C-alpha atoms as a PDB file:
ATOM      1  CA  UNK A   1     -99.424 185.201 172.759  1.00  0.00           C
ATOM      2  CA  UNK A   2     -97.223 188.211 174.114  1.00  0.00           C
ATOM      3  CA  UNK A   3     -93.648 188.049 174.338  1.00  0.00           C
ATOM      4  CA  UNK A   4     -93.095 188.528 177.962  1.00  0.00           C
ATOM      5  CA  UNK A   5     -89.717 190.450 178.036  1.00  0.00           C
ATOM      6  CA  UNK A   6     -89.163 190.633 182.010  1.00  0.00           C
ATOM      7  CA  UNK A   7     -88.847 187.122 182.428  1.00  0.00           C
ATOM      8  CA  UNK A   8     -85.447 187.219 181.037  1.00  0.00           C
ATOM      9  CA  UNK A   9     -84.455 190.599 181.905  1.00  0.00           C
ATOM     10  CA  UNK A  10     -86.017 191.819 184.791  1.00  0.00           C
ATOM     11  CA  UNK A  11     -83.987 195.433 184.367  1.00  0.00           C
ATOM     12  CA  UNK A  12     -85.699 196.419 180.935  1.00  0.00           C
ATOM     13  CA  UNK A  13     -87.650 199.603 181.235  1.00  0.00           C
ATOM     14  CA  UNK A  14     -89.009 199.787 177.560  1.00  0.00           C
ATOM     15  CA  UNK A  15     -89.702 198.107 174.550  1.00  0.00           C
ATOM     16  CA  UNK A  16     -90.986 198.660 170.991  1.00  0.00           C
ATOM     17  CA  UNK A  17     -94.134 196.538 170.468  1.00  0.00           C
ATOM     18  CA  UNK A  18     -97.027 196.271 167.910  1.00  0.00           C
ATOM     19  CA  UNK A  19    -100.290 196.900 168.857  1.00  0.00           C
ATOM     20  CA  UNK A  20    -102.409 193.345 168.380  1.00  0.00           C
ATOM     21  CA  UNK A  21    -105.902 194.448 169.840  1.00  0.00           C
ATOM     22  CA  UNK A  22    -107.657 197.099 171.404  1.00  0.00           C
ATOM     23  CA  UNK A  23    -111.170 196.829 173.345  1.00  0.00           C
ATOM     24  CA  UNK A  24    -112.718 197.540 176.850  1.00  0.00           C
ATOM     25  CA  UNK A  25    -110.359 195.163 178.520  1.00  0.00           C
ATOM     26  CA  UNK A  26    -107.274 196.908 177.850  1.00  0.00           C
ATOM     27  CA  UNK A  27    -104.470 197.211 175.279  1.00  0.00           C
ATOM     28  CA  UNK A  28    -102.850 194.028 174.014  1.00  0.00           C
ATOM     29  CA  UNK A  29     -99.160 194.176 172.123  1.00  0.00           C
ATOM     30  CA  UNK A  30     -97.053 191.540 170.559  1.00  0.00           C
ATOM     31  CA  UNK A  31     -94.435 191.671 173.225  1.00  0.00           C
ATOM     32  CA  UNK A  32     -93.876 193.565 176.681  1.00  0.00           C
ATOM     33  CA  UNK A  33     -92.302 194.951 179.657  1.00  0.00           C
ATOM     34  CA  UNK A  34     -95.031 195.193 181.921  1.00  0.00           C
ATOM     35  CA  UNK A  35     -95.601 192.952 184.554  1.00  0.00           C
ATOM     36  CA  UNK A  36     -98.909 191.558 184.989  1.00  0.00           C
ATOM     37  CA  UNK A  37    -100.815 191.121 188.413  1.00  0.00           C
ATOM     38  CA  UNK A  38     -99.927 187.833 189.681  1.00  0.00           C
ATOM     39  CA  UNK A  39     -98.402 185.455 192.690  1.00  0.00           C
ATOM     40  CA  UNK A  40     -99.056 188.509 195.180  1.00  0.00           C
ATOM     41  CA  UNK A  41     -97.246 190.937 192.617  1.00  0.00           C
ATOM     42  CA  UNK A  42     -99.350 194.030 191.421  1.00  0.00           C
ATOM     43  CA  UNK A  43     -99.403 194.665 187.706  1.00  0.00           C
ATOM     44  CA  UNK A  44     -96.853 197.468 185.877  1.00  0.00           C
ATOM     45  CA  UNK A  45     -97.955 201.030 185.524  1.00  0.00           C
ATOM     46  CA  UNK A  46     -96.548 203.059 183.071  1.00  0.00           C
ATOM     47  CA  UNK A  47     -97.388 204.762 179.436  1.00  0.00           C
ATOM     48  CA  UNK A  48     -97.743 203.420 175.763  1.00  0.00           C
ATOM     49  CA  UNK A  49     -96.006 206.204 173.548  1.00  0.00           C
ATOM     50  CA  UNK A  50     -97.851 206.330 170.391  1.00  0.00           C
ATOM     51  CA  UNK A  51     -96.078 206.977 166.853  1.00  0.00           C
ATOM     52  CA  UNK A  52     -97.191 211.072 166.932  1.00  0.00           C
ATOM     53  CA  UNK A  53     -95.548 210.674 170.541  1.00  0.00           C
ATOM     54  CA  UNK A  54     -98.529 211.395 172.544  1.00  0.00           C
ATOM     55  CA  UNK A  55     -98.846 209.011 175.685  1.00  0.00           C
ATOM     56  CA  UNK A  56    -101.309 206.619 176.786  1.00  0.00           C
ATOM     57  CA  UNK A  57    -101.159 206.421 180.577  1.00  0.00           C
ATOM     58  CA  UNK A  58    -101.134 202.445 181.818  1.00  0.00           C
ATOM     59  CA  UNK A  59    -102.853 202.314 185.359  1.00  0.00           C
ATOM     60  CA  UNK A  60    -102.532 198.527 185.287  1.00  0.00           C
ATOM     61  CA  UNK A  61    -101.270 195.386 183.962  1.00  0.00           C
ATOM     62  CA  UNK A  62    -103.478 192.152 184.228  1.00  0.00           C
ATOM     63  CA  UNK A  63    -103.717 188.760 182.285  1.00  0.00           C
ATOM     64  CA  UNK A  64    -106.987 187.749 180.667  1.00  0.00           C
ATOM     65  CA  UNK A  65    -108.453 184.587 182.983  1.00  0.00           C
ATOM     66  CA  UNK A  66    -109.656 182.840 179.788  1.00  0.00           C
ATOM     67  CA  UNK A  67    -106.577 183.460 177.382  1.00  0.00           C
ATOM     68  CA  UNK A  68    -103.808 184.423 179.109  1.00  0.00           C
ATOM     69  CA  UNK A  69    -103.039 187.673 177.402  1.00  0.00           C
ATOM     70  CA  UNK A  70    -101.328 190.919 178.863  1.00  0.00           C
ATOM     71  CA  UNK A  71    -104.217 193.488 179.202  1.00  0.00           C
ATOM     72  CA  UNK A  72    -102.563 197.047 179.482  1.00  0.00           C
ATOM     73  CA  UNK A  73    -105.148 198.663 181.475  1.00  0.00           C
ATOM     74  CA  UNK A  74    -105.365 202.707 179.850  1.00  0.00           C
ATOM     75  CA  UNK A  75    -106.701 205.788 181.805  1.00  0.00           C
ATOM     76  CA  UNK A  76    -110.265 205.930 181.030  1.00  0.00           C
ATOM     77  CA  UNK A  77    -110.181 208.938 179.310  1.00  0.00           C
ATOM     78  CA  UNK A  78    -106.831 208.162 176.875  1.00  0.00           C
ATOM     79  CA  UNK A  79    -107.057 208.275 173.395  1.00  0.00           C
ATOM     80  CA  UNK A  80    -106.254 204.536 172.205  1.00  0.00           C
ATOM     81  CA  UNK A  81    -103.994 203.416 169.638  1.00  0.00           C
ATOM     82  CA  UNK A  82    -104.769 201.463 166.528  1.00  0.00           C
ATOM     83  CA  UNK A  83    -104.600 198.027 165.982  1.00  0.00           C
ATOM     84  CA  UNK A  84    -101.249 197.470 163.963  1.00  0.00           C
ATOM     85  CA  UNK A  85     -99.815 200.660 165.112  1.00  0.00           C
ATOM     86  CA  UNK A  86     -95.958 200.401 166.486  1.00  0.00           C
ATOM     87  CA  UNK A  87     -95.581 202.120 170.122  1.00  0.00           C
ATOM     88  CA  UNK A  88     -93.060 202.154 172.604  1.00  0.00           C
ATOM     89  CA  UNK A  89     -93.669 200.926 176.140  1.00  0.00           C
ATOM     90  CA  UNK A  90     -92.469 202.249 179.177  1.00  0.00           C
ATOM     91  CA  UNK A  91     -92.897 201.157 182.861  1.00  0.00           C
ATOM     92  CA  UNK A  92     -92.742 203.373 185.927  1.00  0.00           C
ATOM     93  CA  UNK A  93     -89.216 201.878 186.634  1.00  0.00           C
ATOM     94  CA  UNK A  94     -88.875 204.032 190.081  1.00  0.00           C
ATOM     95  CA  UNK A  95     -91.992 202.017 191.380  1.00  0.00           C
ATOM     96  CA  UNK A  96     -90.933 198.418 189.625  1.00  0.00           C
ATOM     97  CA  UNK A  97     -87.904 198.327 191.244  1.00  0.00           C
ATOM     98  CA  UNK A  98     -89.170 198.847 194.740  1.00  0.00           C
ATOM     99  CA  UNK A  99     -91.660 196.099 193.783  1.00  0.00           C
ATOM    100  CA  UNK A 100     -88.859 194.024 192.517  1.00  0.00           C
ATOM    101  CA  UNK A 101     -86.945 194.651 195.908  1.00  0.00           C
ATOM    102  CA  UNK A 102     -89.746 193.770 198.176  1.00  0.00           C
ATOM    103  CA  UNK A 103     -90.651 190.660 196.165  1.00  0.00           C
ATOM    104  CA  UNK A 104     -86.781 189.520 196.441  1.00  0.00           C
ATOM    105  CA  UNK A 105     -87.189 190.238 200.310  1.00  0.00           C
ATOM    106  CA  UNK A 106     -90.108 187.741 200.541  1.00  0.00           C
ATOM    107  CA  UNK A 107     -87.986 184.892 199.136  1.00  0.00           C
ATOM    108  CA  UNK A 108     -85.374 185.978 201.630  1.00  0.00           C
ATOM    109  CA  UNK A 109     -88.112 185.702 204.302  1.00  0.00           C
ATOM    110  CA  UNK A 110     -88.936 181.995 203.049  1.00  0.00           C
ATOM    111  CA  UNK A 111     -84.914 180.942 203.648  1.00  0.00           C
ATOM    112  CA  UNK A 112     -85.399 182.563 207.057  1.00  0.00           C
ATOM    113  CA  UNK A 113     -88.836 180.847 208.236  1.00  0.00           C
ATOM    114  CA  UNK A 114     -88.784 177.229 207.857  1.00  0.00           C
ATOM    115  CA  UNK A 115     -92.497 176.425 207.290  1.00  0.00           C
ATOM    116  CA  UNK A 116     -95.079 176.464 204.268  1.00  0.00           C
ATOM    117  CA  UNK A 117     -96.469 179.440 202.931  1.00  0.00           C
ATOM    118  CA  UNK A 118    -100.073 179.984 203.079  1.00  0.00           C
ATOM    119  CA  UNK A 119    -100.661 183.345 201.450  1.00  0.00           C
ATOM    120  CA  UNK A 120     -98.699 186.486 200.866  1.00  0.00           C
ATOM    121  CA  UNK A 121     -98.849 189.551 198.749  1.00  0.00           C
ATOM    122  CA  UNK A 122     -96.361 192.518 197.699  1.00  0.00           C
ATOM    123  CA  UNK A 123     -96.960 196.036 197.678  1.00  0.00           C
ATOM    124  CA  UNK A 124     -95.135 199.173 196.831  1.00  0.00           C
ATOM    125  CA  UNK A 125     -92.733 199.514 199.990  1.00  0.00           C
ATOM    126  CA  UNK A 126     -94.091 196.481 202.282  1.00  0.00           C
ATOM    127  CA  UNK A 127     -94.937 192.928 201.700  1.00  0.00           C
ATOM    128  CA  UNK A 128     -96.308 190.154 203.907  1.00  0.00           C
ATOM    129  CA  UNK A 129     -96.120 186.444 203.914  1.00  0.00           C
ATOM    130  CA  UNK A 130     -98.281 183.732 205.828  1.00  0.00           C
ATOM    131  CA  UNK A 131     -96.529 180.911 207.484  1.00  0.00           C
ATOM    132  CA  UNK A 132     -98.110 177.663 208.628  1.00  0.00           C
ATOM    133  CA  UNK A 133     -96.740 177.942 212.089  1.00  0.00           C
ATOM    134  CA  UNK A 134     -98.278 176.758 215.296  1.00  0.00           C
ATOM    135  CA  UNK A 135     -96.218 179.673 217.495  1.00  0.00           C
ATOM    136  CA  UNK A 136     -95.108 183.182 216.357  1.00  0.00           C
ATOM    137  CA  UNK A 137     -91.359 183.389 215.784  1.00  0.00           C
ATOM    138  CA  UNK A 138     -89.006 186.184 217.746  1.00  0.00           C
ATOM    139  CA  UNK A 139     -89.617 189.552 215.574  1.00  0.00           C
ATOM    140  CA  UNK A 140     -86.083 190.442 216.311  1.00  0.00           C
ATOM    141  CA  UNK A 141     -84.662 187.455 215.669  1.00  0.00           C
ATOM    142  CA  UNK A 142     -86.013 187.382 212.218  1.00  0.00           C
ATOM    143  CA  UNK A 143     -85.489 191.020 211.351  1.00  0.00           C
ATOM    144  CA  UNK A 144     -81.649 190.568 212.217  1.00  0.00           C
ATOM    145  CA  UNK A 145     -81.611 187.301 210.240  1.00  0.00           C
ATOM    146  CA  UNK A 146     -83.404 188.481 207.445  1.00  0.00           C
ATOM    147  CA  UNK A 147     -80.993 191.646 207.322  1.00  0.00           C
ATOM    148  CA  UNK A 148     -77.795 189.496 207.601  1.00  0.00           C
ATOM    149  CA  UNK A 149     -78.881 187.269 204.638  1.00  0.00           C
ATOM    150  CA  UNK A 150     -79.919 190.359 202.474  1.00  0.00           C
ATOM    151  CA  UNK A 151     -76.602 191.793 203.538  1.00  0.00           C
ATOM    152  CA  UNK A 152     -74.576 188.842 202.299  1.00  0.00           C
ATOM    153  CA  UNK A 153     -75.262 189.387 198.947  1.00  0.00           C
ATOM    154  CA  UNK A 154     -76.780 186.439 197.326  1.00  0.00           C
ATOM    155  CA  UNK A 155     -76.441 186.626 193.585  1.00  0.00           C
ATOM    156  CA  UNK A 156     -79.954 185.786 191.672  1.00  0.00           C
ATOM    157  CA  UNK A 157     -80.200 183.507 188.832  1.00  0.00           C
ATOM    158  CA  UNK A 158     -83.480 182.478 186.806  1.00  0.00           C
ATOM    159  CA  UNK A 159     -83.648 178.421 185.844  1.00  0.00           C
ATOM    160  CA  UNK A 160     -86.211 176.449 183.810  1.00  0.00           C
ATOM    161  CA  UNK A 161     -87.114 172.963 184.457  1.00  0.00           C
ATOM    162  CA  UNK A 162     -90.093 170.787 182.918  1.00  0.00           C
ATOM    163  CA  UNK A 163     -93.498 170.849 184.534  1.00  0.00           C
ATOM    164  CA  UNK A 164     -92.532 166.997 184.916  1.00  0.00           C
ATOM    165  CA  UNK A 165     -89.404 167.529 187.073  1.00  0.00           C
ATOM    166  CA  UNK A 166     -91.252 169.875 189.372  1.00  0.00           C
ATOM    167  CA  UNK A 167     -94.158 167.423 189.765  1.00  0.00           C
ATOM    168  CA  UNK A 168     -91.190 165.076 190.643  1.00  0.00           C
ATOM    169  CA  UNK A 169     -89.655 168.006 193.000  1.00  0.00           C
ATOM    170  CA  UNK A 170     -92.809 168.970 195.123  1.00  0.00           C
ATOM    171  CA  UNK A 171     -90.371 170.444 197.827  1.00  0.00           C
ATOM    172  CA  UNK A 172     -89.436 173.294 195.593  1.00  0.00           C
ATOM    173  CA  UNK A 173     -92.825 174.707 195.983  1.00  0.00           C
ATOM    174  CA  UNK A 174     -93.427 176.729 199.263  1.00  0.00           C
ATOM    175  CA  UNK A 175     -96.682 178.306 198.698  1.00  0.00           C
ATOM    176  CA  UNK A 176     -99.713 176.296 199.855  1.00  0.00           C
ATOM    177  CA  UNK A 177    -102.227 179.019 198.482  1.00  0.00           C
ATOM    178  CA  UNK A 178    -100.500 179.890 195.119  1.00  0.00           C
ATOM    179  CA  UNK A 179     -99.519 176.972 192.410  1.00  0.00           C
ATOM    180  CA  UNK A 180     -96.656 177.627 190.328  1.00  0.00           C
ATOM    181  CA  UNK A 181     -97.059 178.850 186.664  1.00  0.00           C
ATOM    182  CA  UNK A 182     -97.357 175.557 185.170  1.00  0.00           C
ATOM    183  CA  UNK A 183     -98.768 174.529 181.581  1.00  0.00           C
ATOM    184  CA  UNK A 184     -96.684 175.742 179.139  1.00  0.00           C
ATOM    185  CA  UNK A 185     -94.569 172.923 179.504  1.00  0.00           C
ATOM    186  CA  UNK A 186     -91.612 174.483 181.518  1.00  0.00           C
ATOM    187  CA  UNK A 187     -91.648 176.155 185.004  1.00  0.00           C
ATOM    188  CA  UNK A 188     -89.623 179.499 186.017  1.00  0.00           C
ATOM    189  CA  UNK A 189     -87.506 178.659 188.922  1.00  0.00           C
ATOM    190  CA  UNK A 190     -85.813 181.826 190.802  1.00  0.00           C
ATOM    191  CA  UNK A 191     -82.604 180.999 192.701  1.00  0.00           C
ATOM    192  CA  UNK A 192     -80.979 183.139 194.834  1.00  0.00           C
ATOM    193  CA  UNK A 193     -77.898 181.184 195.314  1.00  0.00           C
ATOM    194  CA  UNK A 194     -76.770 179.605 198.908  1.00  0.00           C
ATOM    195  CA  UNK A 195     -80.418 181.120 199.902  1.00  0.00           C
ATOM    196  CA  UNK A 196     -83.836 180.530 198.324  1.00  0.00           C
ATOM    197  CA  UNK A 197     -85.044 178.338 195.211  1.00  0.00           C
ATOM    198  CA  UNK A 198     -88.497 177.934 193.954  1.00  0.00           C
ATOM    199  CA  UNK A 199     -90.672 178.385 191.409  1.00  0.00           C
ATOM    200  CA  UNK A 200     -91.646 181.830 190.688  1.00  0.00           C
ATOM    201  CA  UNK A 201     -92.914 184.024 187.583  1.00  0.00           C
ATOM    202  CA  UNK A 202     -92.389 187.558 189.173  1.00  0.00           C
ATOM    203  CA  UNK A 203     -89.883 190.195 188.862  1.00  0.00           C
ATOM    204  CA  UNK A 204     -86.683 190.185 190.760  1.00  0.00           C
ATOM    205  CA  UNK A 205     -83.036 192.001 192.031  1.00  0.00           C
ATOM    206  CA  UNK A 206     -79.886 190.520 190.362  1.00  0.00           C
ATOM    207  CA  UNK A 207     -78.385 190.320 193.938  1.00  0.00           C
ATOM    208  CA  UNK A 208     -79.828 190.461 197.137  1.00  0.00           C
ATOM    209  CA  UNK A 209     -77.780 193.566 198.510  1.00  0.00           C
ATOM    210  CA  UNK A 210     -80.073 195.543 196.242  1.00  0.00           C
ATOM    211  CA  UNK A 211     -83.211 194.861 198.631  1.00  0.00           C
ATOM    212  CA  UNK A 212     -81.791 197.182 201.113  1.00  0.00           C
ATOM    213  CA  UNK A 213     -82.338 197.051 204.926  1.00  0.00           C
ATOM    214  CA  UNK A 214     -85.927 196.114 206.206  1.00  0.00           C
ATOM    215  CA  UNK A 215     -87.703 195.560 209.453  1.00  0.00           C
ATOM    216  CA  UNK A 216     -90.373 193.562 210.440  1.00  0.00           C
ATOM    217  CA  UNK A 217     -93.550 195.923 211.015  1.00  0.00           C
ATOM    218  CA  UNK A 218     -95.925 192.999 212.868  1.00  0.00           C
ATOM    219  CA  UNK A 219     -95.807 189.392 213.339  1.00  0.00           C
ATOM    220  CA  UNK A 220     -99.642 188.269 213.562  1.00  0.00           C
ATOM    221  CA  UNK A 221    -101.865 185.720 214.174  1.00  0.00           C
ATOM    222  CA  UNK A 222    -104.091 185.002 211.766  1.00  0.00           C
ATOM    223  CA  UNK A 223    -105.745 181.489 212.750  1.00  0.00           C
ATOM    224  CA  UNK A 224    -104.422 178.469 214.488  1.00  0.00           C
ATOM    225  CA  UNK A 225    -101.650 177.817 212.464  1.00  0.00           C
ATOM    226  CA  UNK A 226    -101.087 181.051 210.556  1.00  0.00           C
ATOM    227  CA  UNK A 227     -98.919 183.457 211.498  1.00  0.00           C
ATOM    228  CA  UNK A 228     -98.749 186.816 209.084  1.00  0.00           C
ATOM    229  CA  UNK A 229     -95.505 188.258 209.126  1.00  0.00           C
ATOM    230  CA  UNK A 230     -94.957 191.882 207.395  1.00  0.00           C
ATOM    231  CA  UNK A 231     -91.984 193.626 206.258  1.00  0.00           C
ATOM    232  CA  UNK A 232     -91.307 197.070 205.278  1.00  0.00           C
ATOM    233  CA  UNK A 233     -87.973 198.863 203.869  1.00  0.00           C
ATOM    234  CA  UNK A 234     -86.437 200.820 206.873  1.00  0.00           C
END
């Protein structure tokens, strides 16, 4: 399996790796800094730099449904590396950092809205969460409280618990639509101290103040008990 370096250091921008497989579904390597699409967060894009210094543009990163392996999806016309070749993987850092900030913002939003999450997605520059709520919350109040929480500068730490511990503490799970990444024997928790704690495999900023100021774009009714809150950078 691919060693996922971003699970312990989300600020890594590149790494060396060895190519373990190349086929129509993408490039596989023994270690990577590229986040694979999942949990509502898009996969990373960037380049694979070959031994001859030529670059293979990576337009997406996905996880194989059967094996769970990372698939670095190259530009269709790119010349692909050979199995066994030593390469350098480099992500589009500016895009990744925006995604990190917005994903972390969604955790702050969970701290503001005390209700189960029924769905969500993170995009470059905006994101949305759906909440199981009978009535829509006040837009101005949510925006004010969200920005206050962000500016309070809550530090983030990653913790690990066992699958059994998570099963014994179901209140840790906020999302009804996406199951926590279980099966490996341990579960990754993202903890913004004093604000939010929940299972998450995504990439996040080191402290909430890095998110920056945001605004509530809209609050929509998406069903009898479903309220969609869309956030974007201010």
